[in-house]
Amino acid sequence: MEFILWGVFRSVFPRKTYRNNYRTLSDMEKVTYLERRRQFKGYKKGWLYFRCKEEGLLKAYKQMFKKESIKSIEAKKNE
């Protein structure tokens, strides 16, 4: 009897998925998420650096902004 009730309960209330969970994101996705959050909340640029430092994402942070700086330099050359 309990097994049947448990099966009905599970079909009505399925397990929570972790597809969009922050923990499951890659390091680069976490940094881009934090950057979007920083812009939305209106925080200063230094906030992202210290937040990445707290979470151990400095390597991804440096890679991301190195790529962006190269893109901005190339864009300036093309203008």
Protein backbone atom coordinates (compact mmCIF):
# COMPACT_ATOMS: atom_id res chain seq x y z
CA MET A 1 0.00 0.00 0.00
CA GLU A 2 2.80 2.40 0.89
CA PHE A 3 4.55 1.66 -2.39
CA ILE A 4 1.44 2.60 -4.39
CA LEU A 5 0.97 5.83 -2.44
CA TRP A 6 4.65 6.70 -2.89
CA GLY A 7 4.38 6.11 -6.66
CA VAL A 8 1.31 8.37 -6.90
CA PHE A 9 3.06 11.03 -4.80
CA ARG A 10 6.15 10.92 -7.04
CA SER A 11 4.09 11.24 -10.21
CA VAL A 12 2.29 14.32 -8.84
CA PHE A 13 5.42 15.93 -7.34
CA PRO A 14 8.44 14.98 -9.47
CA ARG A 15 12.00 15.46 -8.25
CA LYS A 16 13.57 18.86 -8.63
CA THR A 17 15.87 19.11 -11.64
CA TYR A 18 19.23 20.82 -11.38
CA ARG A 19 19.49 21.74 -15.05
CA ASN A 20 19.64 25.50 -14.41
CA ASN A 21 21.49 25.25 -11.12
CA TYR A 22 24.45 27.60 -10.52
CA ARG A 23 26.57 24.74 -9.19
CA THR A 24 26.28 22.77 -12.43
CA LEU A 25 27.58 25.61 -14.64
CA SER A 26 31.12 25.65 -15.97
CA ASP A 27 33.55 28.24 -14.62
CA MET A 28 33.20 30.50 -17.68
CA GLU A 29 29.39 30.32 -17.46
CA LYS A 30 29.57 31.24 -13.76
CA VAL A 31 31.70 34.30 -14.55
CA THR A 32 29.33 35.43 -17.31
CA TYR A 33 26.38 34.88 -14.95
CA LEU A 34 28.06 36.99 -12.27
CA GLU A 35 28.88 39.71 -14.82
CA ARG A 36 25.25 39.90 -15.94
CA ARG A 37 24.19 40.02 -12.29
CA ARG A 38 26.70 42.82 -11.61
CA GLN A 39 25.34 44.88 -14.50
CA PHE A 40 21.72 44.28 -13.50
CA LYS A 41 22.31 45.24 -9.85
CA GLY A 42 24.47 48.24 -10.78
CA TYR A 43 27.57 47.12 -8.89
CA LYS A 44 31.02 48.49 -9.69
CA LYS A 45 33.42 46.48 -11.87
CA GLY A 46 35.61 45.58 -8.89
CA TRP A 47 32.73 43.60 -7.39
CA LEU A 48 33.11 40.90 -10.04
CA TYR A 49 36.82 40.46 -9.36
CA PHE A 50 36.35 40.02 -5.63
CA ARG A 51 33.33 37.74 -6.10
CA CYS A 52 35.33 35.54 -8.48
CA LYS A 53 38.19 35.53 -5.98
CA GLU A 54 35.81 34.33 -3.23
CA GLU A 55 34.46 31.53 -5.42
CA GLY A 56 37.82 30.43 -6.85
CA LEU A 57 37.03 31.59 -10.38
CA LEU A 58 39.97 33.95 -10.94
CA LYS A 59 41.46 31.81 -13.70
CA ALA A 60 38.20 31.88 -15.69
CA TYR A 61 37.79 35.61 -14.89
CA LYS A 62 41.22 36.41 -16.34
CA GLN A 63 40.62 34.26 -19.42
CA MET A 64 37.27 35.91 -20.06
CA PHE A 65 38.54 39.47 -19.82
CA LYS A 66 41.68 38.66 -21.78
CA LYS A 67 39.45 37.53 -24.65
CA GLU A 68 37.27 40.62 -24.32
CA SER A 69 40.26 42.96 -24.30
CA ILE A 70 41.61 41.33 -27.47
CA LYS A 71 38.21 41.72 -29.15
CA SER A 72 37.99 45.38 -28.14
CA ILE A 73 41.51 46.06 -29.49
CA GLU A 74 40.61 44.38 -32.80
CA ALA A 75 37.38 46.39 -32.99
CA LYS A 76 39.30 49.63 -32.48
CA LYS A 77 41.74 48.69 -35.24
CA ASN A 78 38.88 48.04 -37.67
CA GLU A 79 37.25 51.44 -37.03
